[in-house]
Full PDB file with SEQRES, HELIX, SHEET, SSBOND, CRYST1, ORIGX, SCALE, CONECT and MASTER records, all heavy atoms in Angstrom:
SEQRES   1 A   45  HIS GLU MET GLN GLU LEU PRO ASP PRO ARG GLU MET ASP          
SEQRES   2 A   45  VAL VAL LEU ALA THR GLY GLU GLN VAL THR ILE GLY LEU          
SEQRES   3 A   45  LEU ALA MET ALA LEU LYS ASN ILE GLY VAL ASP ALA LYS          
SEQRES   4 A   45  SER TYR THR GLY TRP GLN                                      
HELIX    1 AA1 PRO A    9  ASN A   33  1                                  25    
CRYST1    1.000    1.000    1.000  90.00  90.00  90.00 P 1           1          
ORIGX1      1.000000  0.000000  0.000000        0.00000                         
ORIGX2      0.000000  1.000000  0.000000        0.00000                         
ORIGX3      0.000000  0.000000  1.000000        0.00000                         
SCALE1      1.000000  0.000000  0.000000        0.00000                         
SCALE2      0.000000  1.000000  0.000000        0.00000                         
SCALE3      0.000000  0.000000  1.000000        0.00000                         
ATOM      1  N   HIS A   1     -17.336  -0.211   5.363  1.00  0.00           N  
ATOM      2  CA  HIS A   1     -18.579  -0.472   5.654  1.00  0.00           C  
ATOM      3  C   HIS A   1     -19.346   0.644   6.292  1.00  0.00           C  
ATOM      4  O   HIS A   1     -20.672   0.629   6.353  1.00  0.00           O  
ATOM      5  CB  HIS A   1     -18.693  -1.812   6.451  1.00  0.00           C  
ATOM      6  CG  HIS A   1     -18.493  -2.973   5.852  1.00  0.00           C  
ATOM      7  ND1 HIS A   1     -19.582  -3.668   5.139  1.00  0.00           N  
ATOM      8  CD2 HIS A   1     -17.354  -3.817   5.637  1.00  0.00           C  
ATOM      9  CE1 HIS A   1     -19.097  -4.871   4.646  1.00  0.00           C  
ATOM     10  NE2 HIS A   1     -17.819  -4.841   4.830  1.00  0.00           N  
ATOM     11  N   GLU A   2     -18.733   1.553   6.948  1.00  0.00           N  
ATOM     12  CA  GLU A   2     -19.291   2.845   7.491  1.00  0.00           C  
ATOM     13  C   GLU A   2     -19.836   3.706   6.308  1.00  0.00           C  
ATOM     14  O   GLU A   2     -20.796   4.305   6.393  1.00  0.00           O  
ATOM     15  CB  GLU A   2     -18.304   3.549   8.237  1.00  0.00           C  
ATOM     16  CG  GLU A   2     -17.991   3.093   9.589  1.00  0.00           C  
ATOM     17  CD  GLU A   2     -17.258   3.912  10.459  1.00  0.00           C  
ATOM     18  OE1 GLU A   2     -17.360   5.106  10.388  1.00  0.00           O  
ATOM     19  OE2 GLU A   2     -16.384   3.443  11.269  1.00  0.00           O  
ATOM     20  N   MET A   3     -19.298   3.520   5.085  1.00  0.00           N  
ATOM     21  CA  MET A   3     -19.628   4.303   3.926  1.00  0.00           C  
ATOM     22  C   MET A   3     -20.739   3.657   3.157  1.00  0.00           C  
ATOM     23  O   MET A   3     -21.702   4.353   2.648  1.00  0.00           O  
ATOM     24  CB  MET A   3     -18.382   4.581   3.007  1.00  0.00           C  
ATOM     25  CG  MET A   3     -17.197   5.240   3.652  1.00  0.00           C  
ATOM     26  SD  MET A   3     -17.629   6.845   4.191  1.00  0.00           S  
ATOM     27  CE  MET A   3     -17.470   6.592   6.060  1.00  0.00           C  
ATOM     28  N   GLN A   4     -20.771   2.445   3.106  1.00  0.00           N  
ATOM     29  CA  GLN A   4     -21.619   1.595   2.279  1.00  0.00           C  
ATOM     30  C   GLN A   4     -21.968   0.266   2.875  1.00  0.00           C  
ATOM     31  O   GLN A   4     -20.975  -0.365   3.265  1.00  0.00           O  
ATOM     32  CB  GLN A   4     -21.086   1.518   0.846  1.00  0.00           C  
ATOM     33  CG  GLN A   4     -22.124   0.929  -0.179  1.00  0.00           C  
ATOM     34  CD  GLN A   4     -21.515   0.957  -1.581  1.00  0.00           C  
ATOM     35  OE1 GLN A   4     -20.145   0.951  -1.689  1.00  0.00           O  
ATOM     36  NE2 GLN A   4     -22.287   0.904  -2.538  1.00  0.00           N  
ATOM     37  N   GLU A   5     -23.195  -0.134   3.043  1.00  0.00           N  
ATOM     38  CA  GLU A   5     -23.434  -1.401   3.780  1.00  0.00           C  
ATOM     39  C   GLU A   5     -22.846  -2.537   3.120  1.00  0.00           C  
ATOM     40  O   GLU A   5     -22.282  -3.455   3.729  1.00  0.00           O  
ATOM     41  CB  GLU A   5     -24.981  -1.570   3.894  1.00  0.00           C  
ATOM     42  CG  GLU A   5     -25.441  -2.747   4.574  1.00  0.00           C  
ATOM     43  CD  GLU A   5     -26.883  -2.957   4.796  1.00  0.00           C  
ATOM     44  OE1 GLU A   5     -27.526  -1.999   4.323  1.00  0.00           O  
ATOM     45  OE2 GLU A   5     -27.223  -4.113   5.390  1.00  0.00           O  
ATOM     46  N   LEU A   6     -23.017  -2.592   1.821  1.00  0.00           N  
ATOM     47  CA  LEU A   6     -22.277  -3.529   0.895  1.00  0.00           C  
ATOM     48  C   LEU A   6     -21.291  -2.852  -0.002  1.00  0.00           C  
ATOM     49  O   LEU A   6     -21.685  -2.455  -1.143  1.00  0.00           O  
ATOM     50  CB  LEU A   6     -23.307  -4.496   0.100  1.00  0.00           C  
ATOM     51  CG  LEU A   6     -24.283  -5.166   0.929  1.00  0.00           C  
ATOM     52  CD1 LEU A   6     -25.334  -5.804   0.040  1.00  0.00           C  
ATOM     53  CD2 LEU A   6     -23.576  -6.305   1.755  1.00  0.00           C  
ATOM     54  N   PRO A   7     -20.091  -2.600   0.414  1.00  0.00           N  
ATOM     55  CA  PRO A   7     -19.167  -1.926  -0.398  1.00  0.00           C  
ATOM     56  C   PRO A   7     -18.992  -2.295  -1.831  1.00  0.00           C  
ATOM     57  O   PRO A   7     -18.961  -3.553  -2.047  1.00  0.00           O  
ATOM     58  CB  PRO A   7     -17.827  -1.921   0.323  1.00  0.00           C  
ATOM     59  CG  PRO A   7     -18.202  -2.238   1.840  1.00  0.00           C  
ATOM     60  CD  PRO A   7     -19.507  -3.150   1.681  1.00  0.00           C  
ATOM     61  N   ASP A   8     -18.941  -1.382  -2.821  1.00  0.00           N  
ATOM     62  CA  ASP A   8     -18.663  -1.800  -4.181  1.00  0.00           C  
ATOM     63  C   ASP A   8     -17.376  -2.459  -4.186  1.00  0.00           C  
ATOM     64  O   ASP A   8     -16.417  -1.895  -3.727  1.00  0.00           O  
ATOM     65  CB  ASP A   8     -18.655  -0.422  -4.934  1.00  0.00           C  
ATOM     66  CG  ASP A   8     -18.443  -0.718  -6.386  1.00  0.00           C  
ATOM     67  OD1 ASP A   8     -19.365  -1.078  -7.176  1.00  0.00           O  
ATOM     68  OD2 ASP A   8     -17.250  -0.520  -6.807  1.00  0.00           O  
ATOM     69  N   PRO A   9     -17.285  -3.614  -4.970  1.00  0.00           N  
ATOM     70  CA  PRO A   9     -16.060  -4.442  -4.972  1.00  0.00           C  
ATOM     71  C   PRO A   9     -14.940  -3.606  -5.543  1.00  0.00           C  
ATOM     72  O   PRO A   9     -13.682  -3.636  -5.002  1.00  0.00           O  
ATOM     73  CB  PRO A   9     -16.424  -5.591  -5.753  1.00  0.00           C  
ATOM     74  CG  PRO A   9     -17.919  -5.706  -5.616  1.00  0.00           C  
ATOM     75  CD  PRO A   9     -18.432  -4.412  -5.500  1.00  0.00           C  
ATOM     76  N   ARG A  10     -15.130  -2.853  -6.703  1.00  0.00           N  
ATOM     77  CA  ARG A  10     -14.131  -2.080  -7.289  1.00  0.00           C  
ATOM     78  C   ARG A  10     -13.483  -1.119  -6.258  1.00  0.00           C  
ATOM     79  O   ARG A  10     -12.179  -0.884  -6.177  1.00  0.00           O  
ATOM     80  CB  ARG A  10     -14.572  -1.463  -8.605  1.00  0.00           C  
ATOM     81  CG  ARG A  10     -13.427  -0.647  -9.163  1.00  0.00           C  
ATOM     82  CD  ARG A  10     -13.929   0.160 -10.379  1.00  0.00           C  
ATOM     83  NE  ARG A  10     -12.923   0.858 -11.088  1.00  0.00           N  
ATOM     84  CZ  ARG A  10     -12.393   2.060 -10.615  1.00  0.00           C  
ATOM     85  NH1 ARG A  10     -12.861   2.551  -9.472  1.00  0.00           N  
ATOM     86  NH2 ARG A  10     -11.373   2.660 -11.241  1.00  0.00           N  
ATOM     87  N   GLU A  11     -14.439  -0.435  -5.633  1.00  0.00           N  
ATOM     88  CA  GLU A  11     -13.961   0.709  -4.669  1.00  0.00           C  
ATOM     89  C   GLU A  11     -13.323   0.108  -3.467  1.00  0.00           C  
ATOM     90  O   GLU A  11     -12.374   0.699  -2.957  1.00  0.00           O  
ATOM     91  CB  GLU A  11     -15.145   1.604  -4.377  1.00  0.00           C  
ATOM     92  CG  GLU A  11     -15.878   2.164  -5.651  1.00  0.00           C  
ATOM     93  CD  GLU A  11     -14.754   2.876  -6.583  1.00  0.00           C  
ATOM     94  OE1 GLU A  11     -13.825   3.450  -6.108  1.00  0.00           O  
ATOM     95  OE2 GLU A  11     -15.176   2.897  -7.757  1.00  0.00           O  
ATOM     96  N   MET A  12     -13.806  -1.037  -3.141  1.00  0.00           N  
ATOM     97  CA  MET A  12     -13.176  -1.690  -1.853  1.00  0.00           C  
ATOM     98  C   MET A  12     -11.754  -1.985  -2.199  1.00  0.00           C  
ATOM     99  O   MET A  12     -10.843  -1.875  -1.334  1.00  0.00           O  
ATOM    100  CB  MET A  12     -14.015  -3.063  -1.571  1.00  0.00           C  
ATOM    101  CG  MET A  12     -13.318  -3.901  -0.490  1.00  0.00           C  
ATOM    102  SD  MET A  12     -13.410  -3.042   1.175  1.00  0.00           S  
ATOM    103  CE  MET A  12     -14.980  -3.694   1.859  1.00  0.00           C  
ATOM    104  N   ASP A  13     -11.406  -2.544  -3.456  1.00  0.00           N  
ATOM    105  CA  ASP A  13     -10.181  -2.762  -3.829  1.00  0.00           C  
ATOM    106  C   ASP A  13      -9.250  -1.507  -3.776  1.00  0.00           C  
ATOM    107  O   ASP A  13      -8.058  -1.603  -3.465  1.00  0.00           O  
ATOM    108  CB  ASP A  13     -10.078  -3.421  -5.159  1.00  0.00           C  
ATOM    109  CG  ASP A  13     -10.341  -4.953  -5.207  1.00  0.00           C  
ATOM    110  OD1 ASP A  13     -10.363  -5.491  -4.033  1.00  0.00           O  
ATOM    111  OD2 ASP A  13     -10.340  -5.466  -6.248  1.00  0.00           O  
ATOM    112  N   VAL A  14      -9.856  -0.454  -4.248  1.00  0.00           N  
ATOM    113  CA  VAL A  14      -9.036   0.864  -4.120  1.00  0.00           C  
ATOM    114  C   VAL A  14      -8.670   1.162  -2.711  1.00  0.00           C  
ATOM    115  O   VAL A  14      -7.429   1.617  -2.464  1.00  0.00           O  
ATOM    116  CB  VAL A  14      -9.878   2.014  -4.708  1.00  0.00           C  
ATOM    117  CG1 VAL A  14      -9.202   3.345  -4.544  1.00  0.00           C  
ATOM    118  CG2 VAL A  14     -10.171   1.784  -6.228  1.00  0.00           C  
ATOM    119  N   VAL A  15      -9.614   0.897  -1.892  1.00  0.00           N  
ATOM    120  CA  VAL A  15      -9.334   1.228  -0.424  1.00  0.00           C  
ATOM    121  C   VAL A  15      -8.307   0.237   0.201  1.00  0.00           C  
ATOM    122  O   VAL A  15      -7.246   0.548   0.759  1.00  0.00           O  
ATOM    123  CB  VAL A  15     -10.485   1.200   0.413  1.00  0.00           C  
ATOM    124  CG1 VAL A  15     -10.364   1.275   1.904  1.00  0.00           C  
ATOM    125  CG2 VAL A  15     -11.560   2.195  -0.022  1.00  0.00           C  
ATOM    126  N   LEU A  16      -8.409  -1.007  -0.050  1.00  0.00           N  
ATOM    127  CA  LEU A  16      -7.745  -2.055   0.561  1.00  0.00           C  
ATOM    128  C   LEU A  16      -6.281  -1.991   0.132  1.00  0.00           C  
ATOM    129  O   LEU A  16      -5.414  -2.329   0.979  1.00  0.00           O  
ATOM    130  CB  LEU A  16      -8.260  -3.578   0.414  1.00  0.00           C  
ATOM    131  CG  LEU A  16      -9.735  -3.753   0.988  1.00  0.00           C  
ATOM    132  CD1 LEU A  16     -10.118  -5.310   0.646  1.00  0.00           C  
ATOM    133  CD2 LEU A  16      -9.545  -3.572   2.544  1.00  0.00           C  
ATOM    134  N   ALA A  17      -6.116  -1.691  -1.086  1.00  0.00           N  
ATOM    135  CA  ALA A  17      -4.566  -1.650  -1.722  1.00  0.00           C  
ATOM    136  C   ALA A  17      -3.781  -0.713  -0.973  1.00  0.00           C  
ATOM    137  O   ALA A  17      -2.591  -0.755  -1.095  1.00  0.00           O  
ATOM    138  CB  ALA A  17      -4.719  -1.374  -3.200  1.00  0.00           C  
ATOM    139  N   THR A  18      -4.379   0.344  -0.338  1.00  0.00           N  
ATOM    140  CA  THR A  18      -3.512   1.380   0.422  1.00  0.00           C  
ATOM    141  C   THR A  18      -2.714   0.814   1.602  1.00  0.00           C  
ATOM    142  O   THR A  18      -1.712   1.315   1.901  1.00  0.00           O  
ATOM    143  CB  THR A  18      -4.299   2.521   0.964  1.00  0.00           C  
ATOM    144  OG1 THR A  18      -5.357   2.067   1.827  1.00  0.00           O  
ATOM    145  CG2 THR A  18      -5.205   3.187  -0.372  1.00  0.00           C  
ATOM    146  N   GLY A  19      -3.259  -0.256   2.106  1.00  0.00           N  
ATOM    147  CA  GLY A  19      -2.551  -0.882   3.386  1.00  0.00           C  
ATOM    148  C   GLY A  19      -1.161  -1.308   3.126  1.00  0.00           C  
ATOM    149  O   GLY A  19      -0.236  -0.940   3.710  1.00  0.00           O  
ATOM    150  N   GLU A  20      -0.977  -2.102   1.954  1.00  0.00           N  
ATOM    151  CA  GLU A  20       0.385  -2.591   1.601  1.00  0.00           C  
ATOM    152  C   GLU A  20       1.243  -1.465   1.042  1.00  0.00           C  
ATOM    153  O   GLU A  20       2.418  -1.446   1.274  1.00  0.00           O  
ATOM    154  CB  GLU A  20       0.264  -3.744   0.586  1.00  0.00           C  
ATOM    155  CG  GLU A  20      -0.122  -4.939   1.139  1.00  0.00           C  
ATOM    156  CD  GLU A  20      -0.028  -6.099   0.099  1.00  0.00           C  
ATOM    157  OE1 GLU A  20      -0.277  -5.707  -1.064  1.00  0.00           O  
ATOM    158  OE2 GLU A  20       0.065  -7.266   0.477  1.00  0.00           O  
ATOM    159  N   GLN A  21       0.599  -0.483   0.516  1.00  0.00           N  
ATOM    160  CA  GLN A  21       1.408   0.533  -0.092  1.00  0.00           C  
ATOM    161  C   GLN A  21       2.089   1.263   1.003  1.00  0.00           C  
ATOM    162  O   GLN A  21       3.213   1.728   0.746  1.00  0.00           O  
ATOM    163  CB  GLN A  21       0.462   1.582  -0.780  1.00  0.00           C  
ATOM    164  CG  GLN A  21       1.199   2.680  -1.589  1.00  0.00           C  
ATOM    165  CD  GLN A  21       0.315   3.307  -2.612  1.00  0.00           C  
ATOM    166  OE1 GLN A  21      -0.736   2.843  -3.102  1.00  0.00           O  
ATOM    167  NE2 GLN A  21       0.682   4.583  -2.938  1.00  0.00           N  
ATOM    168  N   VAL A  22       1.482   1.508   2.118  1.00  0.00           N  
ATOM    169  CA  VAL A  22       2.181   2.133   3.280  1.00  0.00           C  
ATOM    170  C   VAL A  22       3.429   1.244   3.782  1.00  0.00           C  
ATOM    171  O   VAL A  22       4.486   1.818   3.880  1.00  0.00           O  
ATOM    172  CB  VAL A  22       1.219   2.347   4.488  1.00  0.00           C  
ATOM    173  CG1 VAL A  22       2.009   2.642   5.681  1.00  0.00           C  
ATOM    174  CG2 VAL A  22       0.134   3.167   4.293  1.00  0.00           C  
ATOM    175  N   THR A  23       3.260   0.010   3.792  1.00  0.00           N  
ATOM    176  CA  THR A  23       4.279  -0.872   4.227  1.00  0.00           C  
ATOM    177  C   THR A  23       5.538  -0.974   3.350  1.00  0.00           C  
ATOM    178  O   THR A  23       6.726  -0.759   3.791  1.00  0.00           O  
ATOM    179  CB  THR A  23       3.684  -2.358   4.408  1.00  0.00           C  
ATOM    180  OG1 THR A  23       2.442  -2.372   5.172  1.00  0.00           O  
ATOM    181  CG2 THR A  23       4.717  -3.258   5.141  1.00  0.00           C  
ATOM    182  N   ILE A  24       5.195  -1.093   2.024  1.00  0.00           N  
ATOM    183  CA  ILE A  24       6.386  -0.977   1.153  1.00  0.00           C  
ATOM    184  C   ILE A  24       7.153   0.168   1.214  1.00  0.00           C  
ATOM    185  O   ILE A  24       8.413   0.198   1.024  1.00  0.00           O  
ATOM    186  CB  ILE A  24       5.867  -1.374  -0.311  1.00  0.00           C  
ATOM    187  CG1 ILE A  24       4.989  -0.271  -0.852  1.00  0.00           C  
ATOM    188  CG2 ILE A  24       5.253  -2.853  -0.350  1.00  0.00           C  
ATOM    189  CD1 ILE A  24       4.555  -0.538  -2.385  1.00  0.00           C  
ATOM    190  N   GLY A  25       6.434   1.339   1.328  1.00  0.00           N  
ATOM    191  CA  GLY A  25       7.252   2.582   1.338  1.00  0.00           C  
ATOM    192  C   GLY A  25       8.116   2.816   2.652  1.00  0.00           C  
ATOM    193  O   GLY A  25       9.213   3.171   2.499  1.00  0.00           O  
ATOM    194  N   LEU A  26       7.427   2.360   3.634  1.00  0.00           N  
ATOM    195  CA  LEU A  26       8.231   2.462   4.991  1.00  0.00           C  
ATOM    196  C   LEU A  26       9.389   1.515   4.988  1.00  0.00           C  
ATOM    197  O   LEU A  26      10.400   2.041   5.499  1.00  0.00           O  
ATOM    198  CB  LEU A  26       7.237   2.098   6.108  1.00  0.00           C  
ATOM    199  CG  LEU A  26       6.002   3.128   6.431  1.00  0.00           C  
ATOM    200  CD1 LEU A  26       5.215   2.632   7.612  1.00  0.00           C  
ATOM    201  CD2 LEU A  26       6.667   4.533   6.812  1.00  0.00           C  
ATOM    202  N   LEU A  27       9.237   0.255   4.503  1.00  0.00           N  
ATOM    203  CA  LEU A  27      10.241  -0.626   4.559  1.00  0.00           C  
ATOM    204  C   LEU A  27      11.498  -0.114   3.516  1.00  0.00           C  
ATOM    205  O   LEU A  27      12.658  -0.226   3.898  1.00  0.00           O  
ATOM    206  CB  LEU A  27       9.870  -1.974   4.078  1.00  0.00           C  
ATOM    207  CG  LEU A  27      10.937  -3.032   3.987  1.00  0.00           C  
ATOM    208  CD1 LEU A  27      11.764  -3.199   5.377  1.00  0.00           C  
ATOM    209  CD2 LEU A  27      10.302  -4.437   3.684  1.00  0.00           C  
ATOM    210  N   ALA A  28      11.133   0.419   2.360  1.00  0.00           N  
ATOM    211  CA  ALA A  28      12.123   1.027   1.566  1.00  0.00           C  
ATOM    212  C   ALA A  28      12.917   2.039   2.329  1.00  0.00           C  
ATOM    213  O   ALA A  28      14.150   2.227   2.044  1.00  0.00           O  
ATOM    214  CB  ALA A  28      11.461   1.500   0.254  1.00  0.00           C  
ATOM    215  N   MET A  29      12.102   2.957   3.014  1.00  0.00           N  
ATOM    216  CA  MET A  29      12.743   4.065   3.820  1.00  0.00           C  
ATOM    217  C   MET A  29      13.672   3.469   4.818  1.00  0.00           C  
ATOM    218  O   MET A  29      14.789   3.943   5.100  1.00  0.00           O  
ATOM    219  CB  MET A  29      11.631   5.011   4.484  1.00  0.00           C  
ATOM    220  CG  MET A  29      10.924   5.716   3.383  1.00  0.00           C  
ATOM    221  SD  MET A  29       9.570   6.696   4.456  1.00  0.00           S  
ATOM    222  CE  MET A  29       8.658   7.304   3.032  1.00  0.00           C  
ATOM    223  N   ALA A  30      13.323   2.479   5.577  1.00  0.00           N  
ATOM    224  CA  ALA A  30      14.015   1.914   6.685  1.00  0.00           C  
ATOM    225  C   ALA A  30      15.357   1.259   6.050  1.00  0.00           C  
ATOM    226  O   ALA A  30      16.381   1.475   6.590  1.00  0.00           O  
ATOM    227  CB  ALA A  30      13.273   0.824   7.318  1.00  0.00           C  
ATOM    228  N   LEU A  31      15.269   0.736   4.865  1.00  0.00           N  
ATOM    229  CA  LEU A  31      16.483   0.208   4.311  1.00  0.00           C  
ATOM    230  C   LEU A  31      17.390   1.169   3.807  1.00  0.00           C  
ATOM    231  O   LEU A  31      18.595   1.174   4.038  1.00  0.00           O  
ATOM    232  CB  LEU A  31      16.108  -0.765   3.081  1.00  0.00           C  
ATOM    233  CG  LEU A  31      15.599  -2.183   3.415  1.00  0.00           C  
ATOM    234  CD1 LEU A  31      14.818  -2.758   2.240  1.00  0.00           C  
ATOM    235  CD2 LEU A  31      16.719  -2.987   3.958  1.00  0.00           C  
ATOM    236  N   LYS A  32      16.851   2.259   3.186  1.00  0.00           N  
ATOM    237  CA  LYS A  32      17.758   3.350   2.664  1.00  0.00           C  
ATOM    238  C   LYS A  32      18.371   4.014   3.937  1.00  0.00           C  
ATOM    239  O   LYS A  32      19.560   4.546   3.889  1.00  0.00           O  
ATOM    240  CB  LYS A  32      16.933   4.450   1.928  1.00  0.00           C  
ATOM    241  CG  LYS A  32      16.461   3.973   0.572  1.00  0.00           C  
ATOM    242  CD  LYS A  32      15.523   4.941  -0.193  1.00  0.00           C  
ATOM    243  CE  LYS A  32      14.946   4.437  -1.348  1.00  0.00           C  
ATOM    244  NZ  LYS A  32      15.938   4.336  -2.438  1.00  0.00           N  
ATOM    245  N   ASN A  33      17.611   4.069   5.085  1.00  0.00           N  
ATOM    246  CA  ASN A  33      18.254   4.723   6.199  1.00  0.00           C  
ATOM    247  C   ASN A  33      19.512   4.080   6.791  1.00  0.00           C  
ATOM    248  O   ASN A  33      20.277   4.655   7.490  1.00  0.00           O  
ATOM    249  CB  ASN A  33      17.252   4.744   7.305  1.00  0.00           C  
ATOM    250  CG  ASN A  33      17.458   5.671   8.490  1.00  0.00           C  
ATOM    251  OD1 ASN A  33      17.912   6.901   8.276  1.00  0.00           O  
ATOM    252  ND2 ASN A  33      17.569   5.162   9.727  1.00  0.00           N  
ATOM    253  N   ILE A  34      19.606   2.765   6.500  1.00  0.00           N  
ATOM    254  CA  ILE A  34      20.817   1.959   6.916  1.00  0.00           C  
ATOM    255  C   ILE A  34      21.724   1.705   5.754  1.00  0.00           C  
ATOM    256  O   ILE A  34      22.644   0.832   5.839  1.00  0.00           O  
ATOM    257  CB  ILE A  34      20.410   0.726   7.585  1.00  0.00           C  
ATOM    258  CG1 ILE A  34      19.646  -0.229   6.732  1.00  0.00           C  
ATOM    259  CG2 ILE A  34      19.668   0.859   8.926  1.00  0.00           C  
ATOM    260  CD1 ILE A  34      19.282  -1.562   7.403  1.00  0.00           C  
ATOM    261  N   GLY A  35      21.626   2.481   4.765  1.00  0.00           N  
ATOM    262  CA  GLY A  35      22.521   2.476   3.683  1.00  0.00           C  
ATOM    263  C   GLY A  35      22.362   1.370   2.616  1.00  0.00           C  
ATOM    264  O   GLY A  35      23.269   1.135   1.839  1.00  0.00           O  
ATOM    265  N   VAL A  36      21.151   0.817   2.599  1.00  0.00           N  
ATOM    266  CA  VAL A  36      20.830  -0.233   1.540  1.00  0.00           C  
ATOM    267  C   VAL A  36      19.836   0.329   0.545  1.00  0.00           C  
ATOM    268  O   VAL A  36      18.863   0.800   0.768  1.00  0.00           O  
ATOM    269  CB  VAL A  36      20.226  -1.405   2.264  1.00  0.00           C  
ATOM    270  CG1 VAL A  36      20.004  -2.513   1.290  1.00  0.00           C  
ATOM    271  CG2 VAL A  36      21.109  -1.847   3.381  1.00  0.00           C  
ATOM    272  N   ASP A  37      20.298   0.089  -0.701  1.00  0.00           N  
ATOM    273  CA  ASP A  37      19.358   0.649  -1.864  1.00  0.00           C  
ATOM    274  C   ASP A  37      18.240  -0.197  -2.070  1.00  0.00           C  
ATOM    275  O   ASP A  37      18.376  -1.361  -2.106  1.00  0.00           O  
ATOM    276  CB  ASP A  37      20.205   0.855  -3.119  1.00  0.00           C  
ATOM    277  CG  ASP A  37      19.513   1.792  -4.116  1.00  0.00           C  
ATOM    278  OD1 ASP A  37      18.550   2.370  -3.799  1.00  0.00           O  
ATOM    279  OD2 ASP A  37      20.132   1.781  -5.317  1.00  0.00           O  
ATOM    280  N   ALA A  38      17.096   0.443  -2.026  1.00  0.00           N  
ATOM    281  CA  ALA A  38      15.751  -0.378  -2.156  1.00  0.00           C  
ATOM    282  C   ALA A  38      14.845   0.403  -3.001  1.00  0.00           C  
ATOM    283  O   ALA A  38      14.883   1.492  -3.025  1.00  0.00           O  
ATOM    284  CB  ALA A  38      15.200  -0.765  -0.779  1.00  0.00           C  
ATOM    285  N   LYS A  39      13.949  -0.357  -3.627  1.00  0.00           N  
ATOM    286  CA  LYS A  39      12.824   0.323  -4.377  1.00  0.00           C  
ATOM    287  C   LYS A  39      11.535  -0.388  -4.180  1.00  0.00           C  
ATOM    288  O   LYS A  39      11.549  -1.664  -4.204  1.00  0.00           O  
ATOM    289  CB  LYS A  39      13.201   0.317  -5.866  1.00  0.00           C  
ATOM    290  CG  LYS A  39      12.223   1.212  -6.685  1.00  0.00           C  
ATOM    291  CD  LYS A  39      12.891   1.272  -8.160  1.00  0.00           C  
ATOM    292  CE  LYS A  39      11.896   2.271  -8.976  1.00  0.00           C  
ATOM    293  NZ  LYS A  39      12.590   2.398 -10.368  1.00  0.00           N  
ATOM    294  N   SER A  40      10.475   0.332  -3.849  1.00  0.00           N  
ATOM    295  CA  SER A  40       9.132  -0.338  -3.610  1.00  0.00           C  
ATOM    296  C   SER A  40       8.238  -0.242  -4.885  1.00  0.00           C  
ATOM    297  O   SER A  40       8.424   0.741  -5.715  1.00  0.00           O  
ATOM    298  CB  SER A  40       8.467   0.461  -2.563  1.00  0.00           C  
ATOM    299  OG  SER A  40       8.163   1.752  -2.794  1.00  0.00           O  
ATOM    300  N   TYR A  41       7.329  -1.213  -5.025  1.00  0.00           N  
ATOM    301  CA  TYR A  41       6.440  -1.287  -6.122  1.00  0.00           C  
ATOM    302  C   TYR A  41       5.040  -1.730  -5.669  1.00  0.00           C  
ATOM    303  O   TYR A  41       4.982  -2.667  -4.910  1.00  0.00           O  
ATOM    304  CB  TYR A  41       6.828  -2.306  -7.178  1.00  0.00           C  
ATOM    305  CG  TYR A  41       7.992  -1.811  -8.053  1.00  0.00           C  
ATOM    306  CD1 TYR A  41       9.334  -2.311  -7.743  1.00  0.00           C  
ATOM    307  CD2 TYR A  41       7.871  -0.962  -9.082  1.00  0.00           C  
ATOM    308  CE1 TYR A  41      10.373  -2.020  -8.583  1.00  0.00           C  
ATOM    309  CE2 TYR A  41       8.913  -0.659  -9.953  1.00  0.00           C  
ATOM    310  CZ  TYR A  41      10.172  -1.112  -9.670  1.00  0.00           C  
ATOM    311  OH  TYR A  41      11.234  -0.728 -10.425  1.00  0.00           O  
ATOM    312  N   THR A  42       4.068  -1.032  -6.060  1.00  0.00           N  
ATOM    313  CA  THR A  42       2.705  -1.566  -5.975  1.00  0.00           C  
ATOM    314  C   THR A  42       2.484  -2.674  -6.894  1.00  0.00           C  
ATOM    315  O   THR A  42       3.284  -2.937  -7.802  1.00  0.00           O  
ATOM    316  CB  THR A  42       1.603  -0.395  -6.110  1.00  0.00           C  
ATOM    317  OG1 THR A  42       1.715   0.027  -7.519  1.00  0.00           O  
ATOM    318  CG2 THR A  42       1.818   0.695  -5.157  1.00  0.00           C  
ATOM    319  N   GLY A  43       1.330  -3.463  -6.735  1.00  0.00           N  
ATOM    320  CA  GLY A  43       1.129  -4.516  -7.616  1.00  0.00           C  
ATOM    321  C   GLY A  43       0.937  -3.953  -9.030  1.00  0.00           C  
ATOM    322  O   GLY A  43       1.510  -4.673  -9.951  1.00  0.00           O  
ATOM    323  N   TRP A  44       0.297  -2.896  -9.255  1.00  0.00           N  
ATOM    324  CA  TRP A  44       0.078  -2.318 -10.600  1.00  0.00           C  
ATOM    325  C   TRP A  44       1.377  -1.926 -11.243  1.00  0.00           C  
ATOM    326  O   TRP A  44       1.539  -1.875 -12.536  1.00  0.00           O  
ATOM    327  CB  TRP A  44      -0.953  -1.399 -10.751  1.00  0.00           C  
ATOM    328  CG  TRP A  44      -0.739  -0.093  -9.951  1.00  0.00           C  
ATOM    329  CD1 TRP A  44      -1.146   0.184  -8.752  1.00  0.00           C  
ATOM    330  CD2 TRP A  44      -0.175   1.047 -10.450  1.00  0.00           C  
ATOM    331  NE1 TRP A  44      -0.677   1.530  -8.465  1.00  0.00           N  
ATOM    332  CE2 TRP A  44      -0.083   1.992  -9.480  1.00  0.00           C  
ATOM    333  CE3 TRP A  44       0.491   1.176 -11.800  1.00  0.00           C  
ATOM    334  CZ2 TRP A  44       0.453   3.219  -9.689  1.00  0.00           C  
ATOM    335  CZ3 TRP A  44       1.049   2.509 -11.951  1.00  0.00           C  
ATOM    336  CH2 TRP A  44       1.093   3.587 -10.891  1.00  0.00           C  
ATOM    337  N   GLN A  45       2.230  -1.438 -10.396  1.00  0.00           N  
ATOM    338  CA  GLN A  45       3.584  -0.940 -11.058  1.00  0.00           C  
ATOM    339  C   GLN A  45       4.370  -2.029 -11.571  1.00  0.00           C  
ATOM    340  O   GLN A  45       5.240  -1.882 -12.501  1.00  0.00           O  
ATOM    341  CB  GLN A  45       4.313  -0.084  -9.941  1.00  0.00           C  
ATOM    342  CG  GLN A  45       3.733   1.266  -9.599  1.00  0.00           C  
ATOM    343  CD  GLN A  45       4.428   1.940  -8.495  1.00  0.00           C  
ATOM    344  OE1 GLN A  45       4.693   1.390  -7.531  1.00  0.00           O  
ATOM    345  NE2 GLN A  45       4.666   3.226  -8.740  1.00  0.00           N  
TER     346      GLN A  45                                                      
MASTER        0    0    0    1    0    0    0    6  345    1    0    4          
END                                                                             
């Protein structure tokens, strides 16, 4: 909303999707760190 008063819906999705991408990667790392094999996927993957 700082960039655009009414954010373009397509671009808003591009931005919002990054939040979960951080979480899935961090959780996969945390599991690997304790010796558990894990793999993360975004929704489109």
